[in-house]
Full PDB file with SEQRES, HELIX, SHEET, SSBOND, CRYST1, ORIGX, SCALE, CONECT and MASTER records, all heavy atoms in Angstrom:
SEQRES   1 A   39  ALA GLU ALA GLY LEU ALA ASP ARG PHE ASP GLY THR ASP          
SEQRES   2 A   39  GLU GLU ALA THR ASP THR LEU GLU ALA LEU LEU ARG GLN          
SEQRES   3 A   39  SER VAL GLU GLY GLN LYS MET ALA ASP VAL PRO LEU GLY          
HELIX    1 AA1 GLU A    2  ALA A    6  1                                   5    
HELIX    2 AA2 ASP A   13  GLN A   31  1                                  19    
CRYST1    1.000    1.000    1.000  90.00  90.00  90.00 P 1           1          
ORIGX1      1.000000  0.000000  0.000000        0.00000                         
ORIGX2      0.000000  1.000000  0.000000        0.00000                         
ORIGX3      0.000000  0.000000  1.000000        0.00000                         
SCALE1      1.000000  0.000000  0.000000        0.00000                         
SCALE2      0.000000  1.000000  0.000000        0.00000                         
SCALE3      0.000000  0.000000  1.000000        0.00000                         
ATOM      1  N   ALA A   1       0.829  -1.203   0.000  1.00  0.00           N  
ATOM      2  CA  ALA A   1       0.000   0.000   0.000  1.00  0.00           C  
ATOM      3  C   ALA A   1       0.866   1.257   0.000  1.00  0.00           C  
ATOM      4  O   ALA A   1       0.633   2.196  -0.777  1.00  0.00           O  
ATOM      5  CB  ALA A   1      -0.935  -0.007   1.209  1.00  0.00           C  
ATOM      6  N   GLU A   2       1.868   1.287   0.867  1.00  0.00           N  
ATOM      7  CA  GLU A   2       2.733   2.462   0.944  1.00  0.00           C  
ATOM      8  C   GLU A   2       3.511   2.665  -0.347  1.00  0.00           C  
ATOM      9  O   GLU A   2       3.681   3.802  -0.808  1.00  0.00           O  
ATOM     10  CB  GLU A   2       3.677   2.334   2.140  1.00  0.00           C  
ATOM     11  CG  GLU A   2       2.946   2.390   3.487  1.00  0.00           C  
ATOM     12  CD  GLU A   2       3.901   2.372   4.668  1.00  0.00           C  
ATOM     13  OE1 GLU A   2       4.891   3.128   4.628  1.00  0.00           O  
ATOM     14  OE2 GLU A   2       3.661   1.597   5.611  1.00  0.00           O  
ATOM     15  N   ALA A   3       3.974   1.563  -0.960  1.00  0.00           N  
ATOM     16  CA  ALA A   3       4.696   1.682  -2.229  1.00  0.00           C  
ATOM     17  C   ALA A   3       3.768   2.174  -3.338  1.00  0.00           C  
ATOM     18  O   ALA A   3       4.160   3.002  -4.175  1.00  0.00           O  
ATOM     19  CB  ALA A   3       5.308   0.334  -2.607  1.00  0.00           C  
ATOM     20  N   GLY A   4       2.546   1.676  -3.340  1.00  0.00           N  
ATOM     21  CA  GLY A   4       1.589   2.090  -4.365  1.00  0.00           C  
ATOM     22  C   GLY A   4       1.220   3.554  -4.254  1.00  0.00           C  
ATOM     23  O   GLY A   4       1.079   4.262  -5.265  1.00  0.00           O  
ATOM     24  N   LEU A   5       1.069   4.038  -3.013  1.00  0.00           N  
ATOM     25  CA  LEU A   5       0.726   5.438  -2.810  1.00  0.00           C  
ATOM     26  C   LEU A   5       1.879   6.359  -3.203  1.00  0.00           C  
ATOM     27  O   LEU A   5       1.664   7.505  -3.603  1.00  0.00           O  
ATOM     28  CB  LEU A   5       0.345   5.668  -1.352  1.00  0.00           C  
ATOM     29  CG  LEU A   5      -0.896   4.907  -0.859  1.00  0.00           C  
ATOM     30  CD1 LEU A   5      -1.132   5.165   0.622  1.00  0.00           C  
ATOM     31  CD2 LEU A   5      -2.123   5.285  -1.661  1.00  0.00           C  
ATOM     32  N   ALA A   6       3.115   5.844  -3.088  1.00  0.00           N  
ATOM     33  CA  ALA A   6       4.282   6.642  -3.463  1.00  0.00           C  
ATOM     34  C   ALA A   6       4.531   6.624  -4.966  1.00  0.00           C  
ATOM     35  O   ALA A   6       5.296   7.444  -5.477  1.00  0.00           O  
ATOM     36  CB  ALA A   6       5.511   6.118  -2.726  1.00  0.00           C  
ATOM     37  N   ASP A   7       3.893   5.707  -5.668  1.00  0.00           N  
ATOM     38  CA  ASP A   7       4.099   5.578  -7.121  1.00  0.00           C  
ATOM     39  C   ASP A   7       2.748   5.438  -7.805  1.00  0.00           C  
ATOM     40  O   ASP A   7       2.437   4.418  -8.400  1.00  0.00           O  
ATOM     41  CB  ASP A   7       4.995   4.356  -7.410  1.00  0.00           C  
ATOM     42  CG  ASP A   7       5.286   4.183  -8.895  1.00  0.00           C  
ATOM     43  OD1 ASP A   7       5.289   5.192  -9.630  1.00  0.00           O  
ATOM     44  OD2 ASP A   7       5.501   3.028  -9.321  1.00  0.00           O  
ATOM     45  N   ARG A   8       1.934   6.472  -7.707  1.00  0.00           N  
ATOM     46  CA  ARG A   8       0.581   6.442  -8.262  1.00  0.00           C  
ATOM     47  C   ARG A   8       0.605   6.261  -9.785  1.00  0.00           C  
ATOM     48  O   ARG A   8       1.448   6.820 -10.484  1.00  0.00           O  
ATOM     49  CB  ARG A   8      -0.154   7.744  -7.944  1.00  0.00           C  
ATOM     50  CG  ARG A   8      -0.669   7.854  -6.540  1.00  0.00           C  
ATOM     51  CD  ARG A   8      -1.778   6.864  -6.259  1.00  0.00           C  
ATOM     52  NE  ARG A   8      -2.585   7.246  -5.119  1.00  0.00           N  
ATOM     53  CZ  ARG A   8      -3.465   6.457  -4.534  1.00  0.00           C  
ATOM     54  NH1 ARG A   8      -3.626   5.219  -4.972  1.00  0.00           N  
ATOM     55  NH2 ARG A   8      -4.174   6.866  -3.500  1.00  0.00           N  
ATOM     56  N   PHE A   9      -0.352   5.485 -10.264  1.00  0.00           N  
ATOM     57  CA  PHE A   9      -0.539   5.339 -11.699  1.00  0.00           C  
ATOM     58  C   PHE A   9      -1.073   6.662 -12.243  1.00  0.00           C  
ATOM     59  O   PHE A   9      -2.083   7.181 -11.748  1.00  0.00           O  
ATOM     60  CB  PHE A   9      -1.538   4.208 -11.982  1.00  0.00           C  
ATOM     61  CG  PHE A   9      -1.770   3.955 -13.442  1.00  0.00           C  
ATOM     62  CD1 PHE A   9      -0.908   3.157 -14.155  1.00  0.00           C  
ATOM     63  CD2 PHE A   9      -2.856   4.522 -14.099  1.00  0.00           C  
ATOM     64  CE1 PHE A   9      -1.112   2.920 -15.505  1.00  0.00           C  
ATOM     65  CE2 PHE A   9      -3.071   4.292 -15.436  1.00  0.00           C  
ATOM     66  CZ  PHE A   9      -2.202   3.483 -16.150  1.00  0.00           C  
ATOM     67  N   ASP A  10      -0.408   7.221 -13.239  1.00  0.00           N  
ATOM     68  CA  ASP A  10      -0.816   8.527 -13.755  1.00  0.00           C  
ATOM     69  C   ASP A  10      -1.244   8.479 -15.218  1.00  0.00           C  
ATOM     70  O   ASP A  10      -1.266   9.504 -15.910  1.00  0.00           O  
ATOM     71  CB  ASP A  10       0.302   9.556 -13.570  1.00  0.00           C  
ATOM     72  CG  ASP A  10       1.592   9.160 -14.292  1.00  0.00           C  
ATOM     73  OD1 ASP A  10       1.608   8.068 -14.917  1.00  0.00           O  
ATOM     74  OD2 ASP A  10       2.572   9.925 -14.238  1.00  0.00           O  
ATOM     75  N   GLY A  11      -1.584   7.284 -15.683  1.00  0.00           N  
ATOM     76  CA  GLY A  11      -2.035   7.155 -17.067  1.00  0.00           C  
ATOM     77  C   GLY A  11      -3.528   7.415 -17.202  1.00  0.00           C  
ATOM     78  O   GLY A  11      -4.228   7.766 -16.249  1.00  0.00           O  
ATOM     79  N   THR A  12      -4.033   7.209 -18.399  1.00  0.00           N  
ATOM     80  CA  THR A  12      -5.451   7.424 -18.694  1.00  0.00           C  
ATOM     81  C   THR A  12      -6.283   6.238 -18.228  1.00  0.00           C  
ATOM     82  O   THR A  12      -5.744   5.176 -17.872  1.00  0.00           O  
ATOM     83  CB  THR A  12      -5.663   7.608 -20.201  1.00  0.00           C  
ATOM     84  OG1 THR A  12      -5.309   6.367 -20.864  1.00  0.00           O  
ATOM     85  CG2 THR A  12      -4.806   8.747 -20.752  1.00  0.00           C  
ATOM     86  N   ASP A  13      -7.602   6.402 -18.247  1.00  0.00           N  
ATOM     87  CA  ASP A  13      -8.508   5.292 -17.915  1.00  0.00           C  
ATOM     88  C   ASP A  13      -8.266   4.107 -18.833  1.00  0.00           C  
ATOM     89  O   ASP A  13      -8.251   2.943 -18.388  1.00  0.00           O  
ATOM     90  CB  ASP A  13      -9.967   5.750 -18.040  1.00  0.00           C  
ATOM     91  CG  ASP A  13     -10.377   6.719 -16.942  1.00  0.00           C  
ATOM     92  OD1 ASP A  13      -9.606   6.889 -15.978  1.00  0.00           O  
ATOM     93  OD2 ASP A  13     -11.475   7.305 -17.058  1.00  0.00           O  
ATOM     94  N   GLU A  14      -8.076   4.385 -20.117  1.00  0.00           N  
ATOM     95  CA  GLU A  14      -7.870   3.315 -21.096  1.00  0.00           C  
ATOM     96  C   GLU A  14      -6.567   2.566 -20.811  1.00  0.00           C  
ATOM     97  O   GLU A  14      -6.514   1.325 -20.866  1.00  0.00           O  
ATOM     98  CB  GLU A  14      -7.831   3.901 -22.509  1.00  0.00           C  
ATOM     99  CG  GLU A  14      -7.843   2.883 -23.627  1.00  0.00           C  
ATOM    100  CD  GLU A  14      -9.207   2.222 -23.833  1.00  0.00           C  
ATOM    101  OE1 GLU A  14     -10.194   2.733 -23.282  1.00  0.00           O  
ATOM    102  OE2 GLU A  14      -9.261   1.201 -24.539  1.00  0.00           O  
ATOM    103  N   GLU A  15      -5.518   3.302 -20.474  1.00  0.00           N  
ATOM    104  CA  GLU A  15      -4.230   2.668 -20.178  1.00  0.00           C  
ATOM    105  C   GLU A  15      -4.315   1.832 -18.901  1.00  0.00           C  
ATOM    106  O   GLU A  15      -3.733   0.738 -18.824  1.00  0.00           O  
ATOM    107  CB  GLU A  15      -3.146   3.739 -20.038  1.00  0.00           C  
ATOM    108  CG  GLU A  15      -2.780   4.403 -21.361  1.00  0.00           C  
ATOM    109  CD  GLU A  15      -1.936   5.661 -21.170  1.00  0.00           C  
ATOM    110  OE1 GLU A  15      -1.938   6.232 -20.057  1.00  0.00           O  
ATOM    111  OE2 GLU A  15      -1.274   6.069 -22.150  1.00  0.00           O  
ATOM    112  N   ALA A  16      -5.044   2.327 -17.915  1.00  0.00           N  
ATOM    113  CA  ALA A  16      -5.212   1.560 -16.679  1.00  0.00           C  
ATOM    114  C   ALA A  16      -5.969   0.267 -16.948  1.00  0.00           C  
ATOM    115  O   ALA A  16      -5.613  -0.803 -16.433  1.00  0.00           O  
ATOM    116  CB  ALA A  16      -5.950   2.401 -15.644  1.00  0.00           C  
ATOM    117  N   THR A  17      -7.011   0.352 -17.763  1.00  0.00           N  
ATOM    118  CA  THR A  17      -7.797  -0.836 -18.093  1.00  0.00           C  
ATOM    119  C   THR A  17      -6.956  -1.835 -18.866  1.00  0.00           C  
ATOM    120  O   THR A  17      -7.019  -3.052 -18.610  1.00  0.00           O  
ATOM    121  CB  THR A  17      -9.044  -0.436 -18.910  1.00  0.00           C  
ATOM    122  OG1 THR A  17      -9.792   0.546 -18.186  1.00  0.00           O  
ATOM    123  CG2 THR A  17      -9.936  -1.637 -19.174  1.00  0.00           C  
ATOM    124  N   ASP A  18      -6.145  -1.351 -19.820  1.00  0.00           N  
ATOM    125  CA  ASP A  18      -5.264  -2.243 -20.587  1.00  0.00           C  
ATOM    126  C   ASP A  18      -4.283  -2.966 -19.667  1.00  0.00           C  
ATOM    127  O   ASP A  18      -4.059  -4.177 -19.797  1.00  0.00           O  
ATOM    128  CB  ASP A  18      -4.467  -1.437 -21.623  1.00  0.00           C  
ATOM    129  CG  ASP A  18      -5.328  -0.922 -22.769  1.00  0.00           C  
ATOM    130  OD1 ASP A  18      -6.444  -1.451 -22.951  1.00  0.00           O  
ATOM    131  OD2 ASP A  18      -4.878   0.005 -23.469  1.00  0.00           O  
ATOM    132  N   THR A  19      -3.696  -2.219 -18.727  1.00  0.00           N  
ATOM    133  CA  THR A  19      -2.710  -2.816 -17.821  1.00  0.00           C  
ATOM    134  C   THR A  19      -3.353  -3.862 -16.926  1.00  0.00           C  
ATOM    135  O   THR A  19      -2.809  -4.961 -16.737  1.00  0.00           O  
ATOM    136  CB  THR A  19      -2.053  -1.726 -16.960  1.00  0.00           C  
ATOM    137  OG1 THR A  19      -1.447  -0.752 -17.810  1.00  0.00           O  
ATOM    138  CG2 THR A  19      -0.999  -2.323 -16.035  1.00  0.00           C  
ATOM    139  N   LEU A  20      -4.520  -3.527 -16.369  1.00  0.00           N  
ATOM    140  CA  LEU A  20      -5.194  -4.480 -15.500  1.00  0.00           C  
ATOM    141  C   LEU A  20      -5.617  -5.728 -16.272  1.00  0.00           C  
ATOM    142  O   LEU A  20      -5.451  -6.858 -15.787  1.00  0.00           O  
ATOM    143  CB  LEU A  20      -6.426  -3.838 -14.848  1.00  0.00           C  
ATOM    144  CG  LEU A  20      -7.243  -4.757 -13.941  1.00  0.00           C  
ATOM    145  CD1 LEU A  20      -6.394  -5.310 -12.802  1.00  0.00           C  
ATOM    146  CD2 LEU A  20      -8.461  -4.026 -13.382  1.00  0.00           C  
ATOM    147  N   GLU A  21      -6.129  -5.553 -17.467  1.00  0.00           N  
ATOM    148  CA  GLU A  21      -6.531  -6.706 -18.271  1.00  0.00           C  
ATOM    149  C   GLU A  21      -5.346  -7.632 -18.534  1.00  0.00           C  
ATOM    150  O   GLU A  21      -5.464  -8.864 -18.426  1.00  0.00           O  
ATOM    151  CB  GLU A  21      -7.132  -6.242 -19.600  1.00  0.00           C  
ATOM    152  CG  GLU A  21      -7.619  -7.396 -20.465  1.00  0.00           C  
ATOM    153  CD  GLU A  21      -8.178  -6.928 -21.799  1.00  0.00           C  
ATOM    154  OE1 GLU A  21      -7.934  -5.773 -22.188  1.00  0.00           O  
ATOM    155  OE2 GLU A  21      -8.870  -7.740 -22.466  1.00  0.00           O  
ATOM    156  N   ALA A  22      -4.184  -7.061 -18.865  1.00  0.00           N  
ATOM    157  CA  ALA A  22      -2.992  -7.872 -19.132  1.00  0.00           C  
ATOM    158  C   ALA A  22      -2.559  -8.636 -17.880  1.00  0.00           C  
ATOM    159  O   ALA A  22      -2.208  -9.824 -17.955  1.00  0.00           O  
ATOM    160  CB  ALA A  22      -1.856  -6.979 -19.632  1.00  0.00           C  
ATOM    161  N   LEU A  23      -2.598  -7.979 -16.726  1.00  0.00           N  
ATOM    162  CA  LEU A  23      -2.221  -8.653 -15.477  1.00  0.00           C  
ATOM    163  C   LEU A  23      -3.205  -9.768 -15.125  1.00  0.00           C  
ATOM    164  O   LEU A  23      -2.801 -10.843 -14.661  1.00  0.00           O  
ATOM    165  CB  LEU A  23      -2.166  -7.629 -14.340  1.00  0.00           C  
ATOM    166  CG  LEU A  23      -0.993  -6.644 -14.367  1.00  0.00           C  
ATOM    167  CD1 LEU A  23      -1.199  -5.550 -13.337  1.00  0.00           C  
ATOM    168  CD2 LEU A  23       0.328  -7.369 -14.119  1.00  0.00           C  
ATOM    169  N   LEU A  24      -4.489  -9.514 -15.331  1.00  0.00           N  
ATOM    170  CA  LEU A  24      -5.487 -10.543 -15.041  1.00  0.00           C  
ATOM    171  C   LEU A  24      -5.358 -11.721 -15.995  1.00  0.00           C  
ATOM    172  O   LEU A  24      -5.511 -12.882 -15.582  1.00  0.00           O  
ATOM    173  CB  LEU A  24      -6.893  -9.935 -15.129  1.00  0.00           C  
ATOM    174  CG  LEU A  24      -7.273  -8.966 -14.002  1.00  0.00           C  
ATOM    175  CD1 LEU A  24      -8.617  -8.306 -14.294  1.00  0.00           C  
ATOM    176  CD2 LEU A  24      -7.327  -9.685 -12.662  1.00  0.00           C  
ATOM    177  N   ARG A  25      -5.077 -11.449 -17.253  1.00  0.00           N  
ATOM    178  CA  ARG A  25      -4.860 -12.545 -18.211  1.00  0.00           C  
ATOM    179  C   ARG A  25      -3.687 -13.418 -17.765  1.00  0.00           C  
ATOM    180  O   ARG A  25      -3.754 -14.648 -17.798  1.00  0.00           O  
ATOM    181  CB  ARG A  25      -4.573 -11.979 -19.605  1.00  0.00           C  
ATOM    182  CG  ARG A  25      -5.805 -11.644 -20.434  1.00  0.00           C  
ATOM    183  CD  ARG A  25      -5.381 -11.119 -21.798  1.00  0.00           C  
ATOM    184  NE  ARG A  25      -6.504 -10.976 -22.689  1.00  0.00           N  
ATOM    185  CZ  ARG A  25      -6.967 -11.938 -23.486  1.00  0.00           C  
ATOM    186  NH1 ARG A  25      -6.404 -13.124 -23.472  1.00  0.00           N  
ATOM    187  NH2 ARG A  25      -7.996 -11.718 -24.285  1.00  0.00           N  
ATOM    188  N   GLN A  26      -2.609 -12.750 -17.346  1.00  0.00           N  
ATOM    189  CA  GLN A  26      -1.424 -13.465 -16.888  1.00  0.00           C  
ATOM    190  C   GLN A  26      -1.752 -14.330 -15.675  1.00  0.00           C  
ATOM    191  O   GLN A  26      -1.342 -15.496 -15.595  1.00  0.00           O  
ATOM    192  CB  GLN A  26      -0.336 -12.449 -16.552  1.00  0.00           C  
ATOM    193  CG  GLN A  26       0.984 -13.060 -16.121  1.00  0.00           C  
ATOM    194  CD  GLN A  26       2.006 -11.997 -15.758  1.00  0.00           C  
ATOM    195  OE1 GLN A  26       1.668 -10.973 -15.164  1.00  0.00           O  
ATOM    196  NE2 GLN A  26       3.263 -12.224 -16.115  1.00  0.00           N  
ATOM    197  N   SER A  27      -2.505 -13.771 -14.739  1.00  0.00           N  
ATOM    198  CA  SER A  27      -2.867 -14.513 -13.539  1.00  0.00           C  
ATOM    199  C   SER A  27      -3.763 -15.702 -13.863  1.00  0.00           C  
ATOM    200  O   SER A  27      -3.534 -16.820 -13.383  1.00  0.00           O  
ATOM    201  CB  SER A  27      -3.572 -13.578 -12.547  1.00  0.00           C  
ATOM    202  OG  SER A  27      -4.029 -14.296 -11.420  1.00  0.00           O  
ATOM    203  N   VAL A  28      -4.785 -15.473 -14.672  1.00  0.00           N  
ATOM    204  CA  VAL A  28      -5.722 -16.537 -15.014  1.00  0.00           C  
ATOM    205  C   VAL A  28      -5.015 -17.662 -15.763  1.00  0.00           C  
ATOM    206  O   VAL A  28      -5.226 -18.856 -15.477  1.00  0.00           O  
ATOM    207  CB  VAL A  28      -6.899 -15.975 -15.837  1.00  0.00           C  
ATOM    208  CG1 VAL A  28      -7.709 -17.112 -16.470  1.00  0.00           C  
ATOM    209  CG2 VAL A  28      -7.803 -15.124 -14.954  1.00  0.00           C  
ATOM    210  N   GLU A  29      -4.172 -17.300 -16.728  1.00  0.00           N  
ATOM    211  CA  GLU A  29      -3.472 -18.338 -17.482  1.00  0.00           C  
ATOM    212  C   GLU A  29      -2.570 -19.164 -16.566  1.00  0.00           C  
ATOM    213  O   GLU A  29      -2.479 -20.386 -16.711  1.00  0.00           O  
ATOM    214  CB  GLU A  29      -2.647 -17.704 -18.612  1.00  0.00           C  
ATOM    215  CG  GLU A  29      -3.488 -17.200 -19.773  1.00  0.00           C  
ATOM    216  CD  GLU A  29      -4.365 -18.297 -20.368  1.00  0.00           C  
ATOM    217  OE1 GLU A  29      -3.829 -19.395 -20.689  1.00  0.00           O  
ATOM    218  OE2 GLU A  29      -5.584 -18.081 -20.496  1.00  0.00           O  
ATOM    219  N   GLY A  30      -1.903 -18.513 -15.627  1.00  0.00           N  
ATOM    220  CA  GLY A  30      -1.053 -19.251 -14.696  1.00  0.00           C  
ATOM    221  C   GLY A  30      -1.852 -20.179 -13.805  1.00  0.00           C  
ATOM    222  O   GLY A  30      -1.435 -21.308 -13.534  1.00  0.00           O  
ATOM    223  N   GLN A  31      -3.016 -19.723 -13.353  1.00  0.00           N  
ATOM    224  CA  GLN A  31      -3.809 -20.535 -12.431  1.00  0.00           C  
ATOM    225  C   GLN A  31      -4.677 -21.569 -13.141  1.00  0.00           C  
ATOM    226  O   GLN A  31      -5.281 -22.421 -12.485  1.00  0.00           O  
ATOM    227  CB  GLN A  31      -4.644 -19.615 -11.536  1.00  0.00           C  
ATOM    228  CG  GLN A  31      -3.751 -18.774 -10.631  1.00  0.00           C  
ATOM    229  CD  GLN A  31      -4.468 -18.177  -9.450  1.00  0.00           C  
ATOM    230  OE1 GLN A  31      -5.460 -18.712  -8.971  1.00  0.00           O  
ATOM    231  NE2 GLN A  31      -3.964 -17.052  -8.959  1.00  0.00           N  
ATOM    232  N   LYS A  32      -4.714 -21.510 -14.472  1.00  0.00           N  
ATOM    233  CA  LYS A  32      -5.398 -22.564 -15.237  1.00  0.00           C  
ATOM    234  C   LYS A  32      -4.545 -23.821 -15.362  1.00  0.00           C  
ATOM    235  O   LYS A  32      -5.048 -24.887 -15.730  1.00  0.00           O  
ATOM    236  CB  LYS A  32      -5.743 -22.054 -16.644  1.00  0.00           C  
ATOM    237  CG  LYS A  32      -6.986 -21.187 -16.717  1.00  0.00           C  
ATOM    238  CD  LYS A  32      -7.155 -20.558 -18.091  1.00  0.00           C  
ATOM    239  CE  LYS A  32      -7.289 -21.598 -19.196  1.00  0.00           C  
ATOM    240  NZ  LYS A  32      -7.486 -20.950 -20.515  1.00  0.00           N  
ATOM    241  N   MET A  33      -3.264 -23.703 -15.061  1.00  0.00           N  
ATOM    242  CA  MET A  33      -2.379 -24.859 -15.213  1.00  0.00           C  
ATOM    243  C   MET A  33      -2.756 -25.938 -14.209  1.00  0.00           C  
ATOM    244  O   MET A  33      -2.751 -25.707 -12.996  1.00  0.00           O  
ATOM    245  CB  MET A  33      -0.924 -24.431 -15.022  1.00  0.00           C  
ATOM    246  CG  MET A  33      -0.431 -23.462 -16.083  1.00  0.00           C  
ATOM    247  SD  MET A  33       1.265 -22.890 -15.779  1.00  0.00           S  
ATOM    248  CE  MET A  33       2.160 -24.438 -15.942  1.00  0.00           C  
ATOM    249  N   ALA A  34      -3.108 -27.112 -14.710  1.00  0.00           N  
ATOM    250  CA  ALA A  34      -3.506 -28.224 -13.841  1.00  0.00           C  
ATOM    251  C   ALA A  34      -3.446 -29.520 -14.638  1.00  0.00           C  
ATOM    252  O   ALA A  34      -3.689 -29.523 -15.855  1.00  0.00           O  
ATOM    253  CB  ALA A  34      -4.916 -28.004 -13.301  1.00  0.00           C  
ATOM    254  N   ASP A  35      -3.124 -30.602 -13.956  1.00  0.00           N  
ATOM    255  CA  ASP A  35      -3.121 -31.907 -14.622  1.00  0.00           C  
ATOM    256  C   ASP A  35      -4.378 -32.701 -14.286  1.00  0.00           C  
ATOM    257  O   ASP A  35      -4.425 -33.914 -14.445  1.00  0.00           O  
ATOM    258  CB  ASP A  35      -1.862 -32.703 -14.260  1.00  0.00           C  
ATOM    259  CG  ASP A  35      -1.694 -32.890 -12.764  1.00  0.00           C  
ATOM    260  OD1 ASP A  35      -2.603 -32.459 -12.010  1.00  0.00           O  
ATOM    261  OD2 ASP A  35      -0.674 -33.456 -12.338  1.00  0.00           O  
ATOM    262  N   VAL A  36      -5.400 -31.998 -13.795  1.00  0.00           N  
ATOM    263  CA  VAL A  36      -6.706 -32.604 -13.509  1.00  0.00           C  
ATOM    264  C   VAL A  36      -7.776 -31.688 -14.110  1.00  0.00           C  
ATOM    265  O   VAL A  36      -7.501 -30.530 -14.447  1.00  0.00           O  
ATOM    266  CB  VAL A  36      -6.923 -32.738 -11.982  1.00  0.00           C  
ATOM    267  CG1 VAL A  36      -5.969 -33.762 -11.392  1.00  0.00           C  
ATOM    268  CG2 VAL A  36      -6.769 -31.399 -11.273  1.00  0.00           C  
ATOM    269  N   PRO A  37      -9.019 -32.158 -14.265  1.00  0.00           N  
ATOM    270  CA  PRO A  37     -10.078 -31.316 -14.845  1.00  0.00           C  
ATOM    271  C   PRO A  37     -10.278 -30.018 -14.060  1.00  0.00           C  
ATOM    272  O   PRO A  37     -10.260 -30.006 -12.831  1.00  0.00           O  
ATOM    273  CB  PRO A  37     -11.317 -32.211 -14.758  1.00  0.00           C  
ATOM    274  CG  PRO A  37     -10.778 -33.603 -14.768  1.00  0.00           C  
ATOM    275  CD  PRO A  37      -9.485 -33.535 -14.024  1.00  0.00           C  
ATOM    276  N   LEU A  38     -10.487 -28.924 -14.801  1.00  0.00           N  
ATOM    277  CA  LEU A  38     -10.552 -27.594 -14.217  1.00  0.00           C  
ATOM    278  C   LEU A  38     -11.822 -26.878 -14.654  1.00  0.00           C  
ATOM    279  O   LEU A  38     -12.298 -27.050 -15.777  1.00  0.00           O  
ATOM    280  CB  LEU A  38      -9.323 -26.791 -14.651  1.00  0.00           C  
ATOM    281  CG  LEU A  38      -9.251 -25.323 -14.239  1.00  0.00           C  
ATOM    282  CD1 LEU A  38      -7.902 -24.998 -13.630  1.00  0.00           C  
ATOM    283  CD2 LEU A  38      -9.493 -24.435 -15.461  1.00  0.00           C  
ATOM    284  N   GLY A  39     -12.392 -26.061 -13.778  1.00  0.00           N  
ATOM    285  CA  GLY A  39     -13.584 -25.287 -14.099  1.00  0.00           C  
ATOM    286  C   GLY A  39     -13.578 -23.984 -13.334  1.00  0.00           C  
ATOM    287  O   GLY A  39     -12.532 -23.507 -12.881  1.00  0.00           O  
TER     288      GLY A  39                                                      
MASTER        0    0    0    2    0    0    0    6  287    1    0    3          
END                                                                             
């Protein structure tokens, strides 16, 4: 929290949405990895 407040995101709404979408894609793809059925 303290690091985030010291380095605020100063981009546009569109840039923030793009960044969050990319991070969420990365997270979801990583957590989809499984050797058993997933849902």
